[in-house]
Amino acid sequence: MPHQPLIAVTATTKIIGGLPRVRLNAAYTRALAAAGMIPLIVPPLDRGFAEIVERVDGLVLTGGEDVDPSRYGAARHEATDEPHHARDASEIALLTAAHAARLPTLAICRGLQVANVALGGTLVQDIPSERPSSIAHSRSEARAERVHDVRITHGSLLASALGAEALAANSSHHQAVDRAAAGLTVTATAPDGIIEGAEWTGEDGWWMLAVQWHPEELVDTPEPWDRALFATFRDQLAAAPARR
């Protein structure tokens, strides 16, 4: 059987039924498995990040809570959710370890935002009040629907991964990248200018690709773009130099 890459997939915690539980939308694991990868769910932790990175072939940062604005030097907006401090700390540490090890990384929704913060960027805390637009970006009730257009930069890694320079995507967020971190290049935007994708273009050769929409929710649609994104991630893992 061909090698199936092992992917660390970040998760959150939530009180369910009176008990704290590790939680992750199953769409992530289904999309990765369908593309020939084995997902390994990683809850918020306080240690072991370098060891995790050494043992897996790739990292996926997933969607979820708002990132603590103190991590990018901002006061908390009234519309910003209560931070999940343990998750913020864990994902920032994982992203930092992945960068140091040049571990291929795919960041989705919150994943793009937390990666940008970890690398030194800032966020728009509330799109409706800070960047008013005719586009409703917080459409969680339509996770499997393509609700607005996205334009992809010609020649970018993202355009190559998707096989397209224009597509329609779902949208389930009220925050977004504001100032992109040094080394992180914006490669996709919505018609109102909200950042929808970015990739690492620093000189160290790290493969890191990030999107603001939820491709894992769209892999069963007729359009090939989101399946192609996961396939490109898998192929990158196969092409990457052996790390262990």
Protein backbone atom coordinates (compact mmCIF):
# COMPACT_ATOMS: atom_id res chain seq x y z
CA MET A 1 0.00 0.00 0.00
CA PRO A 2 1.35 3.48 -0.84
CA HIS A 3 2.57 5.56 2.09
CA GLN A 4 -0.25 7.58 3.61
CA PRO A 5 1.11 10.76 5.22
CA LEU A 6 0.35 11.32 8.91
CA ILE A 7 -1.15 14.76 9.53
CA ALA A 8 -1.35 16.59 12.87
CA VAL A 9 -4.76 18.31 12.94
CA THR A 10 -5.42 20.86 15.65
CA ALA A 11 -8.60 20.72 17.74
CA THR A 12 -10.29 22.76 20.44
CA THR A 13 -11.91 21.87 23.76
CA LYS A 14 -15.48 22.53 24.79
CA ILE A 15 -17.76 21.72 27.71
CA ILE A 16 -20.27 19.17 26.37
CA GLY A 17 -22.60 17.30 28.66
CA GLY A 18 -20.93 18.87 31.66
CA LEU A 19 -17.48 17.55 30.78
CA PRO A 20 -14.54 19.17 28.96
CA ARG A 21 -14.11 17.36 25.65
CA VAL A 22 -11.75 17.57 22.68
CA ARG A 23 -13.72 18.78 19.67
CA LEU A 24 -13.09 18.91 15.92
CA ASN A 25 -15.52 19.05 13.02
CA ALA A 26 -15.36 15.69 11.26
CA ALA A 27 -15.23 17.38 7.85
CA TYR A 28 -11.49 17.95 8.35
CA THR A 29 -10.70 14.31 8.99
CA ARG A 30 -12.96 13.13 6.17
CA ALA A 31 -11.35 15.50 3.65
CA LEU A 32 -7.82 14.47 4.65
CA ALA A 33 -8.66 10.76 4.59
CA ALA A 34 -10.37 11.09 1.21
CA ALA A 35 -7.18 12.62 -0.17
CA GLY A 36 -5.06 9.72 1.08
CA MET A 37 -3.80 11.09 4.40
CA ILE A 38 -4.17 9.89 7.98
CA PRO A 39 -5.37 12.61 10.39
CA LEU A 40 -4.00 12.64 13.94
CA ILE A 41 -6.04 14.94 16.18
CA VAL A 42 -3.97 17.15 18.48
CA PRO A 43 -5.77 18.90 21.36
CA PRO A 44 -4.47 22.06 23.04
CA LEU A 45 -1.27 21.08 24.84
CA ASP A 46 1.37 22.82 26.91
CA ARG A 47 4.41 20.84 25.71
CA GLY A 48 5.67 18.34 23.15
CA PHE A 49 5.38 20.53 20.06
CA ALA A 50 8.78 19.73 18.58
CA GLU A 51 8.18 16.03 19.21
CA ILE A 52 4.83 16.16 17.41
CA VAL A 53 6.39 17.93 14.44
CA GLU A 54 9.16 15.31 14.28
CA ARG A 55 6.66 12.46 14.09
CA VAL A 56 4.21 13.72 11.47
CA ASP A 57 4.42 14.55 7.77
CA GLY A 58 2.29 17.69 7.82
CA LEU A 59 0.23 20.07 9.95
CA VAL A 60 -3.31 21.41 9.51
CA LEU A 61 -4.43 24.40 11.59
CA THR A 62 -8.21 24.35 11.79
CA GLY A 63 -11.04 26.84 12.29
CA GLY A 64 -12.65 27.93 15.53
CA GLU A 65 -12.49 30.64 18.17
CA ASP A 66 -11.23 34.20 17.80
CA VAL A 67 -7.53 34.65 18.51
CA ASP A 68 -6.74 36.62 21.68
CA PRO A 69 -6.12 40.20 20.41
CA SER A 70 -3.48 40.78 23.10
CA ARG A 71 -1.28 38.45 21.06
CA TYR A 72 -1.08 41.10 18.34
CA GLY A 73 -1.06 44.10 20.63
CA ALA A 74 -4.72 45.10 20.38
CA ALA A 75 -7.47 45.73 22.89
CA ARG A 76 -10.39 43.33 22.71
CA HIS A 77 -13.26 44.50 20.48
CA GLU A 78 -16.74 44.10 21.95
CA ALA A 79 -17.58 41.60 19.18
CA THR A 80 -14.51 39.44 19.81
CA ASP A 81 -15.20 36.13 21.50
CA GLU A 82 -13.70 35.15 24.85
CA PRO A 83 -10.28 33.75 23.91
CA HIS A 84 -9.33 30.11 24.30
CA HIS A 85 -5.92 30.85 25.77
CA ALA A 86 -4.69 27.26 25.84
CA ARG A 87 -5.58 26.73 22.19
CA ASP A 88 -3.93 29.98 21.12
CA ALA A 89 -0.73 29.07 22.94
CA SER A 90 -0.70 25.51 21.63
CA GLU A 91 -1.32 26.39 17.98
CA ILE A 92 1.18 29.24 17.98
CA ALA A 93 3.80 26.89 19.45
CA LEU A 94 2.96 24.19 16.88
CA LEU A 95 3.14 26.68 14.02
CA THR A 96 6.47 27.98 15.29
CA ALA A 97 7.84 24.43 15.56
CA ALA A 98 6.51 23.56 12.09
CA HIS A 99 8.21 26.62 10.61
CA ALA A 100 11.50 25.78 12.29
CA ALA A 101 11.34 22.22 10.94
CA ARG A 102 9.99 23.27 7.51
CA LEU A 103 7.00 21.00 8.08
CA PRO A 104 4.44 21.48 5.28
CA THR A 105 1.45 23.31 6.75
CA LEU A 106 -2.10 23.98 5.58
CA ALA A 107 -4.01 26.61 7.58
CA ILE A 108 -7.79 26.96 7.35
CA CYS A 109 -10.02 29.87 8.51
CA ARG A 110 -8.88 30.56 12.10
CA GLY A 111 -5.74 28.68 11.02
CA LEU A 112 -4.85 31.50 8.63
CA GLN A 113 -5.50 34.06 11.34
CA VAL A 114 -3.50 32.30 14.06
CA ALA A 115 -0.63 31.66 11.64
CA ASN A 116 -0.56 35.33 10.70
CA VAL A 117 -0.51 36.32 14.38
CA ALA A 118 2.18 33.76 15.20
CA LEU A 119 4.36 35.16 12.42
CA GLY A 120 3.88 38.78 13.54
CA GLY A 121 0.75 40.01 11.74
CA THR A 122 -2.52 41.53 12.97
CA LEU A 123 -6.24 40.88 12.54
CA VAL A 124 -9.46 42.71 11.78
CA GLN A 125 -11.47 41.79 14.88
CA ASP A 126 -14.94 42.35 13.45
CA ILE A 127 -15.55 42.72 9.73
CA PRO A 128 -19.11 44.17 9.95
CA SER A 129 -18.04 47.07 12.19
CA GLU A 130 -14.46 47.61 11.01
CA ARG A 131 -14.74 46.78 7.28
CA PRO A 132 -18.44 47.25 6.39
CA SER A 133 -19.36 45.49 3.16
CA SER A 134 -22.29 44.19 1.16
CA ILE A 135 -20.79 40.70 1.52
CA ALA A 136 -21.85 38.70 4.58
CA HIS A 137 -18.73 36.79 5.60
CA SER A 138 -20.25 35.11 8.66
CA ARG A 139 -22.41 32.50 6.91
CA SER A 140 -22.00 29.46 9.16
CA GLU A 141 -25.51 28.29 8.27
CA ALA A 142 -24.33 27.82 4.67
CA ARG A 143 -21.08 25.92 5.20
CA ALA A 144 -21.61 23.69 2.16
CA GLU A 145 -22.60 26.56 -0.14
CA ARG A 146 -20.42 28.83 -2.29
CA VAL A 147 -21.59 32.26 -1.18
CA HIS A 148 -19.05 34.75 -2.59
CA ASP A 149 -16.31 35.03 -5.17
CA VAL A 150 -12.59 34.80 -4.47
CA ARG A 151 -9.86 36.12 -6.76
CA ILE A 152 -6.48 34.31 -6.68
CA THR A 153 -3.16 35.91 -7.60
CA HIS A 154 -1.78 34.71 -10.93
CA GLY A 155 1.30 32.54 -10.53
CA SER A 156 0.79 31.97 -6.81
CA LEU A 157 1.15 28.64 -5.04
CA LEU A 158 -2.54 28.89 -4.16
CA ALA A 159 -3.57 29.34 -7.79
CA SER A 160 -1.51 26.30 -8.71
CA ALA A 161 -2.94 24.24 -5.85
CA LEU A 162 -6.54 25.11 -6.72
CA GLY A 163 -6.08 24.94 -10.46
CA ALA A 164 -7.90 28.27 -10.76
CA GLU A 165 -7.50 32.02 -10.39
CA ALA A 166 -11.17 32.65 -9.61
CA LEU A 167 -13.65 30.60 -7.65
CA ALA A 168 -16.61 30.83 -5.30
CA ALA A 169 -16.22 29.78 -1.68
CA ASN A 170 -18.16 29.32 1.52
CA SER A 171 -17.65 31.82 4.34
CA SER A 172 -17.86 31.36 8.11
CA HIS A 173 -15.86 34.10 9.84
CA HIS A 174 -16.23 37.59 11.27
CA GLN A 175 -12.49 38.22 11.62
CA ALA A 176 -9.76 38.38 8.97
CA VAL A 177 -6.12 39.16 8.35
CA ASP A 178 -5.41 42.88 8.62
CA ARG A 179 -1.64 43.42 8.32
CA ALA A 180 0.02 40.34 6.89
CA ALA A 181 3.15 39.15 8.67
CA ALA A 182 6.52 39.65 7.01
CA GLY A 183 7.16 36.68 4.74
CA LEU A 184 3.44 35.91 4.39
CA THR A 185 2.12 37.07 1.03
CA VAL A 186 -1.58 37.70 0.43
CA THR A 187 -2.66 35.71 -2.63
CA ALA A 188 -6.47 35.76 -2.48
CA THR A 189 -9.15 38.35 -1.76
CA ALA A 190 -12.91 38.65 -1.78
CA PRO A 191 -14.52 41.39 -3.95
CA ASP A 192 -14.65 43.69 -0.89
CA GLY A 193 -10.93 43.33 -0.25
CA ILE A 194 -11.13 40.92 2.70
CA ILE A 195 -8.11 38.63 2.63
CA GLU A 196 -9.06 35.07 1.66
CA GLY A 197 -5.68 33.41 1.22
CA ALA A 198 -1.98 33.76 1.88
CA GLU A 199 1.22 31.76 1.52
CA TRP A 200 4.72 31.77 2.87
CA THR A 201 7.19 33.37 0.47
CA GLY A 202 10.16 33.74 2.80
CA GLU A 203 13.54 32.59 1.60
CA ASP A 204 13.75 29.52 3.83
CA GLY A 205 11.65 27.32 1.53
CA TRP A 206 8.85 26.48 3.98
CA TRP A 207 5.67 25.20 2.27
CA MET A 208 2.81 26.96 4.06
CA LEU A 209 -0.51 27.69 2.44
CA ALA A 210 -3.53 29.28 4.11
CA VAL A 211 -7.15 29.97 3.12
CA GLN A 212 -9.91 31.84 4.93
CA TRP A 213 -12.78 29.68 3.68
CA HIS A 214 -13.52 26.06 4.65
CA PRO A 215 -12.37 23.78 1.80
CA GLU A 216 -13.02 20.67 3.92
CA GLU A 217 -16.76 21.43 3.69
CA LEU A 218 -16.66 21.67 -0.13
CA VAL A 219 -14.81 18.55 -1.27
CA ASP A 220 -18.06 16.83 -2.26
CA THR A 221 -19.25 19.65 -4.52
CA PRO A 222 -19.02 19.34 -8.33
CA GLU A 223 -16.25 21.94 -8.52
CA PRO A 224 -12.72 20.44 -8.23
CA TRP A 225 -10.97 23.33 -6.49
CA ASP A 226 -11.13 22.19 -2.88
CA ARG A 227 -10.34 18.56 -3.63
CA ALA A 228 -7.37 19.84 -5.60
CA LEU A 229 -6.16 21.84 -2.59
CA PHE A 230 -6.04 18.75 -0.37
CA ALA A 231 -4.47 16.70 -3.17
CA THR A 232 -1.76 19.32 -3.60
CA PHE A 233 -1.06 19.22 0.14
CA ARG A 234 -0.74 15.43 -0.01
CA ASP A 235 1.54 15.60 -3.04
CA GLN A 236 3.73 18.18 -1.32
CA LEU A 237 4.21 15.82 1.61
CA ALA A 238 5.29 13.06 -0.75
CA ALA A 239 7.75 15.42 -2.46
CA ALA A 240 9.19 16.84 0.77
CA PRO A 241 12.60 15.56 1.90
CA ALA A 242 12.49 12.77 4.47
CA ARG A 243 12.45 14.31 7.91
CA ARG A 244 12.85 11.22 10.08
